[in-house]
Amino acid sequence: MRRRLAEISRQTFIAFDRVAVGCLARRLRDEHQVFANEVTDAIHIAISAISGMDVLLTWNCKHMANIVELPKTVSIVTKSGYDCPLILTPQDFLEKFHE
């Protein structure tokens, strides 16, 4: 237990505006059918965009790292005034950025 608490104390946590996250997540849900029943995925993307992350890694290729759906996601996020992080699988990330 002590080791876990010590590890948690060294972590960096993301501060974000809950209202802004809620608004962007709702917009993703309302304007992008893929998120209609996947609210947690929309929230995940909203937190990443609002907190200014450069990359969001996910194994979720059905809703998030989906090459067909991604342009719509990026469009909604950018129209909302945020930079959309690169949404990649860990494997894609390693292939793209590992030398």
Protein backbone atom coordinates (compact mmCIF):
# COMPACT_ATOMS: atom_id res chain seq x y z
CA MET A 1 0.00 0.00 0.00
CA ARG A 2 2.80 2.44 0.84
CA ARG A 3 4.49 1.81 -2.50
CA ARG A 4 1.26 2.52 -4.33
CA LEU A 5 0.72 5.76 -2.45
CA ALA A 6 4.33 6.76 -3.07
CA GLU A 7 3.92 6.07 -6.79
CA ILE A 8 0.67 8.04 -6.98
CA SER A 9 2.31 10.99 -5.23
CA ARG A 10 4.90 11.19 -8.05
CA GLN A 11 2.28 11.29 -10.81
CA THR A 12 1.27 14.43 -12.65
CA PHE A 13 -2.46 14.99 -12.81
CA ILE A 14 -4.27 16.94 -15.47
CA ALA A 15 -6.32 19.94 -14.45
CA PHE A 16 -9.21 20.74 -16.76
CA ASP A 17 -12.41 22.73 -16.87
CA ARG A 18 -15.27 20.25 -16.28
CA VAL A 19 -17.83 22.51 -17.92
CA ALA A 20 -15.72 22.85 -21.07
CA VAL A 21 -15.13 19.08 -21.15
CA GLY A 22 -18.85 18.46 -20.78
CA CYS A 23 -19.66 20.87 -23.60
CA LEU A 24 -17.13 19.38 -26.00
CA ALA A 25 -18.11 15.81 -25.11
CA ARG A 26 -21.79 16.65 -25.71
CA ARG A 27 -20.93 18.24 -29.02
CA LEU A 28 -18.97 15.14 -30.06
CA ARG A 29 -21.92 12.98 -29.03
CA ASP A 30 -24.53 15.15 -30.73
CA GLU A 31 -22.65 15.79 -33.99
CA HIS A 32 -20.81 12.50 -34.43
CA GLN A 33 -22.93 9.37 -34.48
CA VAL A 34 -20.03 7.14 -33.42
CA PHE A 35 -20.14 8.74 -29.95
CA ALA A 36 -23.93 8.60 -29.47
CA ASN A 37 -23.65 5.61 -27.13
CA GLU A 38 -19.98 5.98 -26.23
CA VAL A 39 -19.99 9.01 -23.96
CA THR A 40 -16.85 7.96 -22.08
CA ASP A 41 -14.90 7.94 -25.35
CA ALA A 42 -16.14 11.46 -26.12
CA ILE A 43 -15.12 12.59 -22.62
CA HIS A 44 -11.68 11.02 -23.06
CA ILE A 45 -11.12 12.97 -26.28
CA ALA A 46 -12.54 16.17 -24.77
CA ILE A 47 -10.21 16.03 -21.75
CA SER A 48 -7.24 15.39 -24.02
CA ALA A 49 -8.07 18.30 -26.33
CA ILE A 50 -8.95 20.79 -23.60
CA SER A 51 -5.85 19.99 -21.56
CA GLY A 52 -3.65 20.50 -24.62
CA MET A 53 -2.29 16.99 -25.03
CA ASP A 54 -0.29 16.38 -28.19
CA VAL A 55 -1.07 12.66 -28.44
CA LEU A 56 -3.86 10.43 -27.15
CA LEU A 57 -2.98 6.74 -27.14
CA THR A 58 -5.80 4.23 -27.25
CA TRP A 59 -6.50 0.66 -28.30
CA ASN A 60 -10.06 1.71 -29.12
CA CYS A 61 -10.13 1.42 -32.92
CA LYS A 62 -13.91 1.21 -33.07
CA HIS A 63 -14.64 4.75 -31.91
CA MET A 64 -11.43 6.69 -31.33
CA ALA A 65 -8.42 5.58 -33.41
CA ASN A 66 -10.64 4.76 -36.37
CA ILE A 67 -9.24 6.07 -39.64
CA VAL A 68 -12.73 6.49 -41.13
CA GLU A 69 -14.25 8.32 -38.14
CA LEU A 70 -11.20 10.36 -37.12
CA PRO A 71 -11.60 13.25 -39.62
CA LYS A 72 -15.09 14.00 -38.24
CA THR A 73 -13.74 13.90 -34.67
CA VAL A 74 -10.90 16.28 -35.56
CA SER A 75 -13.31 18.63 -37.34
CA ILE A 76 -15.65 18.86 -34.34
CA VAL A 77 -12.80 19.43 -31.89
CA THR A 78 -11.17 22.13 -34.02
CA LYS A 79 -14.50 23.86 -34.77
CA SER A 80 -14.94 24.00 -30.99
CA GLY A 81 -11.72 26.01 -30.69
CA TYR A 82 -9.27 23.32 -29.58
CA ASP A 83 -6.35 21.53 -31.18
CA CYS A 84 -7.19 17.86 -31.51
CA PRO A 85 -4.44 15.58 -30.27
CA LEU A 86 -3.11 12.89 -32.56
CA ILE A 87 -5.23 9.86 -31.73
CA LEU A 88 -3.15 6.75 -32.26
CA THR A 89 -2.81 3.20 -31.06
CA PRO A 90 0.38 2.55 -29.08
CA GLN A 91 1.60 0.44 -32.00
CA ASP A 92 0.97 3.27 -34.49
CA PHE A 93 2.75 5.68 -32.16
CA LEU A 94 5.84 3.48 -31.98
CA GLU A 95 5.88 3.01 -35.74
CA LYS A 96 5.48 6.73 -36.37
CA PHE A 97 7.87 8.13 -33.75
CA HIS A 98 10.35 5.40 -32.90
CA GLU A 99 13.59 5.52 -34.82
